[in-house]
C-alpha atoms as a PDB file:
ATOM      1  CA  UNK A   1     -39.663  26.606  58.425  1.00  0.00           C
ATOM      2  CA  UNK A   2     -37.180  28.023  60.937  1.00  0.00           C
ATOM      3  CA  UNK A   3     -38.297  31.351  62.417  1.00  0.00           C
ATOM      4  CA  UNK A   4     -36.066  34.312  63.354  1.00  0.00           C
ATOM      5  CA  UNK A   5     -36.205  33.523  67.080  1.00  0.00           C
ATOM      6  CA  UNK A   6     -35.083  29.933  66.495  1.00  0.00           C
ATOM      7  CA  UNK A   7     -32.293  31.137  64.191  1.00  0.00           C
ATOM      8  CA  UNK A   8     -31.129  33.548  66.901  1.00  0.00           C
ATOM      9  CA  UNK A   9     -31.159  30.784  69.491  1.00  0.00           C
ATOM     10  CA  UNK A  10     -29.098  28.541  67.196  1.00  0.00           C
ATOM     11  CA  UNK A  11     -26.627  31.363  66.616  1.00  0.00           C
ATOM     12  CA  UNK A  12     -26.296  31.938  70.360  1.00  0.00           C
ATOM     13  CA  UNK A  13     -25.757  28.232  70.973  1.00  0.00           C
ATOM     14  CA  UNK A  14     -23.115  28.017  68.254  1.00  0.00           C
ATOM     15  CA  UNK A  15     -21.352  31.091  69.637  1.00  0.00           C
ATOM     16  CA  UNK A  16     -21.281  29.588  73.131  1.00  0.00           C
ATOM     17  CA  UNK A  17     -19.851  26.358  71.717  1.00  0.00           C
ATOM     18  CA  UNK A  18     -17.309  28.351  69.692  1.00  0.00           C
ATOM     19  CA  UNK A  19     -16.087  30.174  72.792  1.00  0.00           C
ATOM     20  CA  UNK A  20     -15.576  26.861  74.568  1.00  0.00           C
ATOM     21  CA  UNK A  21     -13.910  25.230  71.554  1.00  0.00           C
ATOM     22  CA  UNK A  22     -11.602  28.219  71.084  1.00  0.00           C
ATOM     23  CA  UNK A  23     -10.518  27.591  74.671  1.00  0.00           C
ATOM     24  CA  UNK A  24      -9.571  24.001  73.815  1.00  0.00           C
ATOM     25  CA  UNK A  25     -12.806  22.200  74.710  1.00  0.00           C
ATOM     26  CA  UNK A  26     -12.849  19.219  72.341  1.00  0.00           C
ATOM     27  CA  UNK A  27     -16.377  18.206  73.339  1.00  0.00           C
ATOM     28  CA  UNK A  28     -17.658  21.623  72.246  1.00  0.00           C
ATOM     29  CA  UNK A  29     -15.756  21.246  68.962  1.00  0.00           C
ATOM     30  CA  UNK A  30     -17.397  17.840  68.437  1.00  0.00           C
ATOM     31  CA  UNK A  31     -20.819  19.467  68.887  1.00  0.00           C
ATOM     32  CA  UNK A  32     -19.931  22.171  66.348  1.00  0.00           C
ATOM     33  CA  UNK A  33     -18.887  19.434  63.924  1.00  0.00           C
ATOM     34  CA  UNK A  34     -22.220  17.675  64.463  1.00  0.00           C
ATOM     35  CA  UNK A  35     -24.158  20.854  63.736  1.00  0.00           C
ATOM     36  CA  UNK A  36     -22.218  22.075  60.690  1.00  0.00           C
ATOM     37  CA  UNK A  37     -20.774  19.033  58.940  1.00  0.00           C
ATOM     38  CA  UNK A  38     -23.871  18.320  56.821  1.00  0.00           C
ATOM     39  CA  UNK A  39     -23.773  21.873  55.494  1.00  0.00           C
ATOM     40  CA  UNK A  40     -20.039  21.702  54.814  1.00  0.00           C
ATOM     41  CA  UNK A  41     -20.476  18.495  52.843  1.00  0.00           C
ATOM     42  CA  UNK A  42     -23.392  19.972  50.902  1.00  0.00           C
ATOM     43  CA  UNK A  43     -21.250  23.011  50.066  1.00  0.00           C
ATOM     44  CA  UNK A  44     -18.537  20.700  48.712  1.00  0.00           C
ATOM     45  CA  UNK A  45     -20.952  18.408  46.878  1.00  0.00           C
ATOM     46  CA  UNK A  46     -22.433  21.283  44.876  1.00  0.00           C
ATOM     47  CA  UNK A  47     -18.934  22.144  43.652  1.00  0.00           C
ATOM     48  CA  UNK A  48     -17.457  18.688  43.150  1.00  0.00           C
ATOM     49  CA  UNK A  49     -20.318  16.934  41.396  1.00  0.00           C
ATOM     50  CA  UNK A  50     -20.921  14.541  44.271  1.00  0.00           C
ATOM     51  CA  UNK A  51     -17.434  13.047  43.979  1.00  0.00           C
ATOM     52  CA  UNK A  52     -17.783  11.235  47.314  1.00  0.00           C
ATOM     53  CA  UNK A  53     -14.074  10.499  47.752  1.00  0.00           C
ATOM     54  CA  UNK A  54     -12.974  14.111  47.211  1.00  0.00           C
ATOM     55  CA  UNK A  55     -15.829  15.466  49.317  1.00  0.00           C
ATOM     56  CA  UNK A  56     -14.833  13.184  52.196  1.00  0.00           C
ATOM     57  CA  UNK A  57     -11.153  14.074  51.905  1.00  0.00           C
ATOM     58  CA  UNK A  58     -11.736  17.828  51.787  1.00  0.00           C
ATOM     59  CA  UNK A  59     -14.309  17.713  54.594  1.00  0.00           C
ATOM     60  CA  UNK A  60     -11.840  15.842  56.813  1.00  0.00           C
ATOM     61  CA  UNK A  61      -9.090  18.358  56.042  1.00  0.00           C
ATOM     62  CA  UNK A  62     -11.518  21.180  56.798  1.00  0.00           C
ATOM     63  CA  UNK A  63     -12.276  19.897  60.277  1.00  0.00           C
ATOM     64  CA  UNK A  64      -8.648  19.019  60.978  1.00  0.00           C
ATOM     65  CA  UNK A  65      -7.572  22.572  60.096  1.00  0.00           C
ATOM     66  CA  UNK A  66     -10.467  24.070  62.072  1.00  0.00           C
ATOM     67  CA  UNK A  67      -9.515  22.192  65.234  1.00  0.00           C
ATOM     68  CA  UNK A  68      -5.852  23.017  64.713  1.00  0.00           C
ATOM     69  CA  UNK A  69      -6.705  26.698  64.384  1.00  0.00           C
ATOM     70  CA  UNK A  70      -8.639  26.551  67.631  1.00  0.00           C
ATOM     71  CA  UNK A  71      -5.904  24.701  69.503  1.00  0.00           C
ATOM     72  CA  UNK A  72      -3.312  27.206  68.262  1.00  0.00           C
ATOM     73  CA  UNK A  73      -5.533  30.162  69.291  1.00  0.00           C
ATOM     74  CA  UNK A  74      -5.883  31.359  65.680  1.00  0.00           C
ATOM     75  CA  UNK A  75      -9.644  31.628  65.881  1.00  0.00           C
ATOM     76  CA  UNK A  76     -11.321  34.408  67.868  1.00  0.00           C
ATOM     77  CA  UNK A  77     -15.108  33.940  68.229  1.00  0.00           C
ATOM     78  CA  UNK A  78     -15.422  37.647  69.002  1.00  0.00           C
ATOM     79  CA  UNK A  79     -14.182  38.499  65.497  1.00  0.00           C
ATOM     80  CA  UNK A  80     -16.126  36.034  63.355  1.00  0.00           C
ATOM     81  CA  UNK A  81     -18.946  33.531  63.665  1.00  0.00           C
ATOM     82  CA  UNK A  82     -17.755  29.939  63.829  1.00  0.00           C
ATOM     83  CA  UNK A  83     -19.990  29.092  60.847  1.00  0.00           C
ATOM     84  CA  UNK A  84     -18.201  31.645  58.663  1.00  0.00           C
ATOM     85  CA  UNK A  85     -14.813  30.485  59.940  1.00  0.00           C
ATOM     86  CA  UNK A  86     -15.511  26.816  59.168  1.00  0.00           C
ATOM     87  CA  UNK A  87     -16.845  27.624  55.692  1.00  0.00           C
ATOM     88  CA  UNK A  88     -13.812  29.823  55.013  1.00  0.00           C
ATOM     89  CA  UNK A  89     -11.527  26.890  55.757  1.00  0.00           C
ATOM     90  CA  UNK A  90     -13.698  24.587  53.639  1.00  0.00           C
ATOM     91  CA  UNK A  91     -13.531  27.150  50.828  1.00  0.00           C
ATOM     92  CA  UNK A  92      -9.736  27.262  51.011  1.00  0.00           C
ATOM     93  CA  UNK A  93      -9.445  23.488  51.023  1.00  0.00           C
ATOM     94  CA  UNK A  94     -11.756  23.330  48.021  1.00  0.00           C
ATOM     95  CA  UNK A  95      -9.744  25.970  46.135  1.00  0.00           C
ATOM     96  CA  UNK A  96      -6.503  24.157  46.957  1.00  0.00           C
ATOM     97  CA  UNK A  97      -8.021  20.964  45.559  1.00  0.00           C
ATOM     98  CA  UNK A  98      -9.131  22.738  42.357  1.00  0.00           C
ATOM     99  CA  UNK A  99      -5.663  24.163  41.823  1.00  0.00           C
ATOM    100  CA  UNK A 100      -4.019  20.847  42.605  1.00  0.00           C
ATOM    101  CA  UNK A 101      -6.098  19.111  39.952  1.00  0.00           C
ATOM    102  CA  UNK A 102      -5.558  21.861  37.374  1.00  0.00           C
ATOM    103  CA  UNK A 103      -9.221  22.870  37.316  1.00  0.00           C
ATOM    104  CA  UNK A 104      -8.767  26.509  38.266  1.00  0.00           C
ATOM    105  CA  UNK A 105      -9.647  27.826  34.820  1.00  0.00           C
ATOM    106  CA  UNK A 106     -13.005  26.015  34.962  1.00  0.00           C
ATOM    107  CA  UNK A 107     -13.858  27.394  38.390  1.00  0.00           C
ATOM    108  CA  UNK A 108     -17.414  28.692  38.956  1.00  0.00           C
ATOM    109  CA  UNK A 109     -17.742  32.462  38.617  1.00  0.00           C
ATOM    110  CA  UNK A 110     -18.256  33.354  42.286  1.00  0.00           C
ATOM    111  CA  UNK A 111     -15.443  31.050  43.373  1.00  0.00           C
ATOM    112  CA  UNK A 112     -13.182  32.777  40.856  1.00  0.00           C
ATOM    113  CA  UNK A 113     -13.869  36.153  42.500  1.00  0.00           C
ATOM    114  CA  UNK A 114     -12.846  34.711  45.877  1.00  0.00           C
ATOM    115  CA  UNK A 115      -9.787  32.948  44.438  1.00  0.00           C
ATOM    116  CA  UNK A 116      -8.565  36.108  42.706  1.00  0.00           C
ATOM    117  CA  UNK A 117      -8.805  38.116  45.907  1.00  0.00           C
ATOM    118  CA  UNK A 118      -7.003  35.710  48.236  1.00  0.00           C
ATOM    119  CA  UNK A 119      -4.311  34.895  45.682  1.00  0.00           C
ATOM    120  CA  UNK A 120      -2.100  31.827  46.011  1.00  0.00           C
ATOM    121  CA  UNK A 121      -1.742  31.945  49.801  1.00  0.00           C
ATOM    122  CA  UNK A 122      -3.495  28.809  51.030  1.00  0.00           C
ATOM    123  CA  UNK A 123      -1.948  28.921  54.500  1.00  0.00           C
ATOM    124  CA  UNK A 124      -3.970  28.888  57.678  1.00  0.00           C
ATOM    125  CA  UNK A 125      -2.615  32.360  58.438  1.00  0.00           C
ATOM    126  CA  UNK A 126      -4.650  33.729  55.519  1.00  0.00           C
ATOM    127  CA  UNK A 127      -7.928  32.356  56.840  1.00  0.00           C
ATOM    128  CA  UNK A 128      -8.964  35.522  58.674  1.00  0.00           C
ATOM    129  CA  UNK A 129      -8.713  37.487  55.438  1.00  0.00           C
ATOM    130  CA  UNK A 130     -10.952  34.953  53.703  1.00  0.00           C
ATOM    131  CA  UNK A 131     -13.442  35.116  56.582  1.00  0.00           C
ATOM    132  CA  UNK A 132     -13.597  38.898  56.156  1.00  0.00           C
ATOM    133  CA  UNK A 133     -13.894  38.548  52.383  1.00  0.00           C
ATOM    134  CA  UNK A 134     -16.817  36.110  52.615  1.00  0.00           C
ATOM    135  CA  UNK A 135     -18.560  38.337  55.136  1.00  0.00           C
ATOM    136  CA  UNK A 136     -18.029  41.352  52.863  1.00  0.00           C
ATOM    137  CA  UNK A 137     -19.236  39.467  49.789  1.00  0.00           C
ATOM    138  CA  UNK A 138     -22.388  38.377  51.592  1.00  0.00           C
ATOM    139  CA  UNK A 139     -23.023  41.965  52.720  1.00  0.00           C
ATOM    140  CA  UNK A 140     -22.582  43.156  49.127  1.00  0.00           C
ATOM    141  CA  UNK A 141     -25.007  40.562  47.747  1.00  0.00           C
ATOM    142  CA  UNK A 142     -27.609  41.414  50.411  1.00  0.00           C
ATOM    143  CA  UNK A 143     -27.116  45.195  50.211  1.00  0.00           C
ATOM    144  CA  UNK A 144     -30.338  46.971  49.329  1.00  0.00           C
ATOM    145  CA  UNK A 145     -30.226  48.640  45.939  1.00  0.00           C
ATOM    146  CA  UNK A 146     -26.912  47.178  44.780  1.00  0.00           C
ATOM    147  CA  UNK A 147     -28.183  44.247  42.708  1.00  0.00           C
ATOM    148  CA  UNK A 148     -31.459  43.952  40.864  1.00  0.00           C
ATOM    149  CA  UNK A 149     -33.700  41.001  41.717  1.00  0.00           C
ATOM    150  CA  UNK A 150     -32.639  39.278  38.473  1.00  0.00           C
ATOM    151  CA  UNK A 151     -28.939  39.852  39.179  1.00  0.00           C
ATOM    152  CA  UNK A 152     -29.263  38.477  42.709  1.00  0.00           C
ATOM    153  CA  UNK A 153     -31.161  35.429  41.447  1.00  0.00           C
ATOM    154  CA  UNK A 154     -28.484  34.772  38.820  1.00  0.00           C
ATOM    155  CA  UNK A 155     -25.622  35.151  41.320  1.00  0.00           C
ATOM    156  CA  UNK A 156     -27.268  32.858  43.838  1.00  0.00           C
ATOM    157  CA  UNK A 157     -28.089  30.320  41.139  1.00  0.00           C
ATOM    158  CA  UNK A 158     -24.518  30.282  39.842  1.00  0.00           C
ATOM    159  CA  UNK A 159     -23.252  29.831  43.403  1.00  0.00           C
ATOM    160  CA  UNK A 160     -25.466  26.727  43.578  1.00  0.00           C
ATOM    161  CA  UNK A 161     -23.819  25.424  40.388  1.00  0.00           C
ATOM    162  CA  UNK A 162     -26.729  26.085  38.027  1.00  0.00           C
ATOM    163  CA  UNK A 163     -25.690  26.771  34.453  1.00  0.00           C
ATOM    164  CA  UNK A 164     -26.724  29.913  32.598  1.00  0.00           C
ATOM    165  CA  UNK A 165     -29.030  27.797  30.422  1.00  0.00           C
ATOM    166  CA  UNK A 166     -30.688  26.254  33.508  1.00  0.00           C
ATOM    167  CA  UNK A 167     -31.095  29.685  35.075  1.00  0.00           C
ATOM    168  CA  UNK A 168     -32.642  31.053  31.884  1.00  0.00           C
ATOM    169  CA  UNK A 169     -35.240  28.286  31.908  1.00  0.00           C
ATOM    170  CA  UNK A 170     -36.011  28.663  35.609  1.00  0.00           C
ATOM    171  CA  UNK A 171     -36.171  32.462  35.610  1.00  0.00           C
ATOM    172  CA  UNK A 172     -37.966  32.779  32.295  1.00  0.00           C
ATOM    173  CA  UNK A 173     -35.188  34.864  30.745  1.00  0.00           C
ATOM    174  CA  UNK A 174     -33.255  34.589  27.511  1.00  0.00           C
ATOM    175  CA  UNK A 175     -29.818  32.940  27.942  1.00  0.00           C
ATOM    176  CA  UNK A 176     -28.189  36.121  26.630  1.00  0.00           C
ATOM    177  CA  UNK A 177     -30.031  38.143  29.293  1.00  0.00           C
ATOM    178  CA  UNK A 178     -28.785  35.828  32.053  1.00  0.00           C
ATOM    179  CA  UNK A 179     -25.224  36.314  30.792  1.00  0.00           C
ATOM    180  CA  UNK A 180     -25.618  40.112  30.807  1.00  0.00           C
ATOM    181  CA  UNK A 181     -27.087  40.023  34.331  1.00  0.00           C
ATOM    182  CA  UNK A 182     -24.158  37.890  35.490  1.00  0.00           C
ATOM    183  CA  UNK A 183     -21.545  40.284  34.090  1.00  0.00           C
ATOM    184  CA  UNK A 184     -23.348  43.282  35.538  1.00  0.00           C
ATOM    185  CA  UNK A 185     -23.650  41.678  38.973  1.00  0.00           C
ATOM    186  CA  UNK A 186     -19.987  40.684  39.037  1.00  0.00           C
ATOM    187  CA  UNK A 187     -18.907  44.224  38.155  1.00  0.00           C
ATOM    188  CA  UNK A 188     -21.055  45.621  40.964  1.00  0.00           C
ATOM    189  CA  UNK A 189     -19.762  43.056  43.478  1.00  0.00           C
ATOM    190  CA  UNK A 190     -16.127  43.744  42.586  1.00  0.00           C
ATOM    191  CA  UNK A 191     -16.737  47.475  43.030  1.00  0.00           C
ATOM    192  CA  UNK A 192     -18.492  46.861  46.332  1.00  0.00           C
ATOM    193  CA  UNK A 193     -15.586  44.740  47.586  1.00  0.00           C
ATOM    194  CA  UNK A 194     -13.117  47.411  46.467  1.00  0.00           C
ATOM    195  CA  UNK A 195     -15.068  49.988  48.462  1.00  0.00           C
ATOM    196  CA  UNK A 196     -14.689  47.757  51.510  1.00  0.00           C
ATOM    197  CA  UNK A 197     -10.912  47.620  51.059  1.00  0.00           C
ATOM    198  CA  UNK A 198     -10.598  44.402  49.066  1.00  0.00           C
ATOM    199  CA  UNK A 199      -8.410  44.770  45.973  1.00  0.00           C
ATOM    200  CA  UNK A 200      -7.201  41.797  43.987  1.00  0.00           C
ATOM    201  CA  UNK A 201      -3.778  43.300  43.232  1.00  0.00           C
ATOM    202  CA  UNK A 202      -3.376  45.300  46.418  1.00  0.00           C
ATOM    203  CA  UNK A 203      -0.109  45.019  48.348  1.00  0.00           C
ATOM    204  CA  UNK A 204      -2.299  45.477  51.416  1.00  0.00           C
ATOM    205  CA  UNK A 205      -4.224  42.260  50.847  1.00  0.00           C
ATOM    206  CA  UNK A 206      -5.702  41.088  54.084  1.00  0.00           C
ATOM    207  CA  UNK A 207      -6.305  44.594  55.412  1.00  0.00           C
ATOM    208  CA  UNK A 208      -9.920  44.809  54.221  1.00  0.00           C
ATOM    209  CA  UNK A 209     -12.704  44.597  56.756  1.00  0.00           C
ATOM    210  CA  UNK A 210     -16.370  43.915  56.265  1.00  0.00           C
ATOM    211  CA  UNK A 211     -18.525  46.763  57.433  1.00  0.00           C
END
């Protein structure tokens, strides 16, 4: 098990690599790729049913866009962790793939919240907004007193692609209870995001900031 001190050291190392990569150091970027690519692929695999060809294609696009953003000075390591930035780009590439294949209506619940907020803008210029949104969403999920333990367990399970029936069996709850917890958690998370300046229909989209 990784302890807090080791996690902090890893974060410091990644930040140092991010600063170098943001300055155009390709060797530092290669090291970031080596550290994060397994996690990026796992993130995609949980959403694409281990479709190896699509996972590979989206992962490659993710890293291409990440390096391009760094070369074009569109990534500032002082504003966001490189891990969040890479996952934001992976998220956008995944959402673009879902929309391109006509699967948007079948999108997992948490992904739908993200997709609704960022709208149809899949450009690299919108990445910073998505970074802020993911940071804000994580803060909302982890916020003390916002979600009950059951609601947090349901949200995290759905994010890992568990079905409501699977969650009911694992958590020892009725399927109807899991559904109620999901709806309640989503309402709370939307309200929390709105309080942080994120509004799905706002003309000021992109102006929200995680606290």
